[in-house]
Amino acid sequence: MTRSQLLRMDNIGIVVESLDEAVAFFTELGLTLEGRATVEGEWAGRITGLGDQRVEIAMMVTPDGHSRLELSRFLAPPVVADHRNAPVNALGYLRAMFAVSDLDDTLARLGAHGARLVGEVVRYENAYRLCYIRGPEGILIGLAEPLGSHP
């Protein structure tokens, strides 16, 4: 019998309070809104284990077309936990990391959307400039600017 193979990572999902603010932030970062929809009904709840649910989603795609970020806003059932301001060493979801061509420009543009540095911008050898930021609603994002011959 042939063993099944992993084809790709389809998307990462983040639950937010304001879909519009999150879409604006990730659009400024460089992702493109692929589409918005409302997912609802008992069938969807059978997947998530939440029963009858109603969720607004926005699917964002990276410039290379290979990765997606699904932003979700739950209308029903109500949100039951909030991990947005957990420190970087908390268990569970930590952060999404994005490669950018100009870290300083990216930080300035995202700052206009409320982003703030968690620590500081650091250089890792001659490979990357790196930092963590808190985006809308405290979402933790990593940014990496490749240096030299690192594409």
Protein backbone atom coordinates (compact mmCIF):
# COMPACT_ATOMS: atom_id res chain seq x y z
CA MET A 1 0.00 0.00 0.00
CA THR A 2 1.27 3.48 -0.90
CA ARG A 3 1.82 5.86 1.99
CA SER A 4 0.06 9.23 1.65
CA GLN A 5 2.30 12.26 1.16
CA LEU A 6 2.11 15.77 2.52
CA LEU A 7 1.47 18.05 -0.45
CA ARG A 8 2.00 21.50 1.08
CA MET A 9 1.09 23.69 4.03
CA ASP A 10 -2.18 25.26 2.91
CA ASN A 11 -2.59 28.07 5.43
CA ILE A 12 -2.11 29.38 8.96
CA GLY A 13 -5.23 30.60 10.75
CA ILE A 14 -5.52 33.49 13.20
CA VAL A 15 -8.72 34.48 15.02
CA VAL A 16 -9.22 38.26 15.28
CA GLU A 17 -11.81 40.72 16.58
CA SER A 18 -11.57 43.13 13.64
CA LEU A 19 -11.27 41.50 10.25
CA ASP A 20 -10.98 44.89 8.52
CA GLU A 21 -8.02 46.01 10.67
CA ALA A 22 -6.23 42.68 10.26
CA VAL A 23 -6.75 42.69 6.48
CA ALA A 24 -5.42 46.27 6.27
CA PHE A 25 -2.35 45.34 8.35
CA PHE A 26 -1.45 42.23 6.35
CA THR A 27 -2.14 44.07 3.07
CA GLU A 28 0.37 46.73 4.17
CA LEU A 29 2.84 43.93 4.95
CA GLY A 30 2.49 42.73 1.35
CA LEU A 31 -0.12 39.98 1.37
CA THR A 32 -3.05 40.19 -1.05
CA LEU A 33 -6.67 39.63 -0.11
CA GLU A 34 -7.71 36.54 -2.04
CA GLY A 35 -11.30 36.65 -0.83
CA ARG A 36 -13.76 37.07 2.02
CA ALA A 37 -16.66 34.84 2.95
CA THR A 38 -18.92 33.78 5.77
CA VAL A 39 -18.69 30.12 6.75
CA GLU A 40 -21.62 28.89 8.75
CA GLY A 41 -23.69 25.93 9.67
CA GLU A 42 -23.60 22.60 11.39
CA TRP A 43 -21.28 21.09 8.75
CA ALA A 44 -18.53 23.59 9.62
CA GLY A 45 -19.01 22.93 13.32
CA ARG A 46 -18.47 19.23 12.73
CA ILE A 47 -14.94 20.08 11.54
CA THR A 48 -14.08 22.41 14.41
CA GLY A 49 -16.05 20.66 17.13
CA LEU A 50 -17.91 23.90 17.93
CA GLY A 51 -21.37 22.84 16.77
CA ASP A 52 -23.43 25.34 14.80
CA GLN A 53 -21.05 28.20 13.99
CA ARG A 54 -20.86 31.40 11.98
CA VAL A 55 -17.43 32.77 11.05
CA GLU A 56 -16.32 35.58 8.75
CA ILE A 57 -13.04 34.71 7.05
CA ALA A 58 -10.55 36.58 4.89
CA MET A 59 -7.94 34.60 2.98
CA MET A 60 -4.66 36.43 2.39
CA VAL A 61 -1.97 35.16 0.01
CA THR A 62 1.77 35.86 0.00
CA PRO A 63 3.37 37.50 -3.07
CA ASP A 64 4.89 34.20 -4.22
CA GLY A 65 1.44 32.58 -4.19
CA HIS A 66 2.62 29.63 -2.11
CA SER A 67 1.38 30.54 1.39
CA ARG A 68 -1.89 31.74 2.80
CA LEU A 69 -3.07 33.31 6.02
CA GLU A 70 -6.69 32.74 7.02
CA LEU A 71 -8.05 35.48 9.26
CA SER A 72 -11.24 34.50 11.10
CA ARG A 73 -13.79 36.48 13.09
CA PHE A 74 -16.17 34.27 15.06
CA LEU A 75 -19.73 35.57 15.26
CA ALA A 76 -21.07 32.38 16.89
CA PRO A 77 -20.24 30.76 19.15
CA PRO A 78 -18.53 33.58 21.04
CA VAL A 79 -14.75 33.58 21.53
CA VAL A 80 -13.81 31.76 24.76
CA ALA A 81 -10.09 32.56 25.22
CA ASP A 82 -7.67 35.36 24.43
CA HIS A 83 -3.97 34.62 23.91
CA ARG A 84 -3.07 37.75 21.94
CA ASN A 85 -0.74 39.22 24.52
CA ALA A 86 0.99 36.00 25.57
CA PRO A 87 4.79 36.36 25.77
CA VAL A 88 7.00 34.81 23.10
CA ASN A 89 7.78 31.82 25.33
CA ALA A 90 4.11 30.83 25.81
CA LEU A 91 3.01 27.36 24.73
CA GLY A 92 0.91 27.02 21.59
CA TYR A 93 0.75 29.38 18.63
CA LEU A 94 3.81 31.59 18.71
CA ARG A 95 4.16 33.67 15.57
CA ALA A 96 4.25 33.75 11.80
CA MET A 97 7.59 34.81 10.25
CA PHE A 98 7.74 36.79 7.02
CA ALA A 99 10.81 37.59 4.89
CA VAL A 100 10.93 41.23 3.76
CA SER A 101 13.26 43.12 1.44
CA ASP A 102 13.64 46.22 3.65
CA LEU A 103 13.04 45.78 7.38
CA ASP A 104 13.24 49.48 8.26
CA ASP A 105 10.69 50.48 5.61
CA THR A 106 8.39 47.61 6.62
CA LEU A 107 8.54 48.64 10.29
CA ALA A 108 7.72 52.25 9.40
CA ARG A 109 4.75 51.25 7.23
CA LEU A 110 3.39 48.76 9.78
CA GLY A 111 3.92 51.28 12.58
CA ALA A 112 1.22 53.39 10.94
CA HIS A 113 -1.09 50.41 11.55
CA GLY A 114 -0.17 50.19 15.23
CA ALA A 115 2.69 47.67 15.04
CA ARG A 116 5.29 47.90 17.80
CA LEU A 117 8.61 46.14 18.38
CA VAL A 118 8.61 43.41 21.01
CA GLY A 119 12.36 43.68 21.66
CA GLU A 120 14.78 45.19 19.17
CA VAL A 121 16.03 44.65 15.64
CA VAL A 122 19.07 42.36 15.70
CA ARG A 123 21.55 41.13 13.14
CA TYR A 124 22.18 37.40 12.93
CA GLU A 125 25.68 36.95 11.48
CA ASN A 126 25.73 38.08 7.85
CA ALA A 127 22.48 36.29 7.13
CA TYR A 128 19.52 38.29 8.48
CA ARG A 129 18.22 41.32 10.33
CA LEU A 130 15.39 40.06 12.55
CA CYS A 131 12.71 41.31 14.90
CA TYR A 132 9.37 40.45 16.44
CA ILE A 133 6.50 42.91 16.34
CA ARG A 134 3.01 42.99 17.79
CA GLY A 135 0.51 43.75 15.06
CA PRO A 136 -3.22 44.40 15.32
CA GLU A 137 -4.77 42.98 18.48
CA GLY A 138 -1.32 41.97 19.75
CA ILE A 139 -0.71 39.34 17.05
CA LEU A 140 2.94 38.29 17.18
CA ILE A 141 4.76 38.55 13.84
CA GLY A 142 8.40 37.84 13.00
CA LEU A 143 10.16 39.82 10.27
CA ALA A 144 13.43 38.81 8.62
CA GLU A 145 15.44 40.80 6.10
CA PRO A 146 17.90 38.54 4.23
CA LEU A 147 21.40 40.02 3.96
CA GLY A 148 24.07 39.44 1.36
CA SER A 149 23.60 36.30 -0.69
CA HIS A 150 20.64 34.95 1.36
CA PRO A 151 17.55 35.27 -0.88
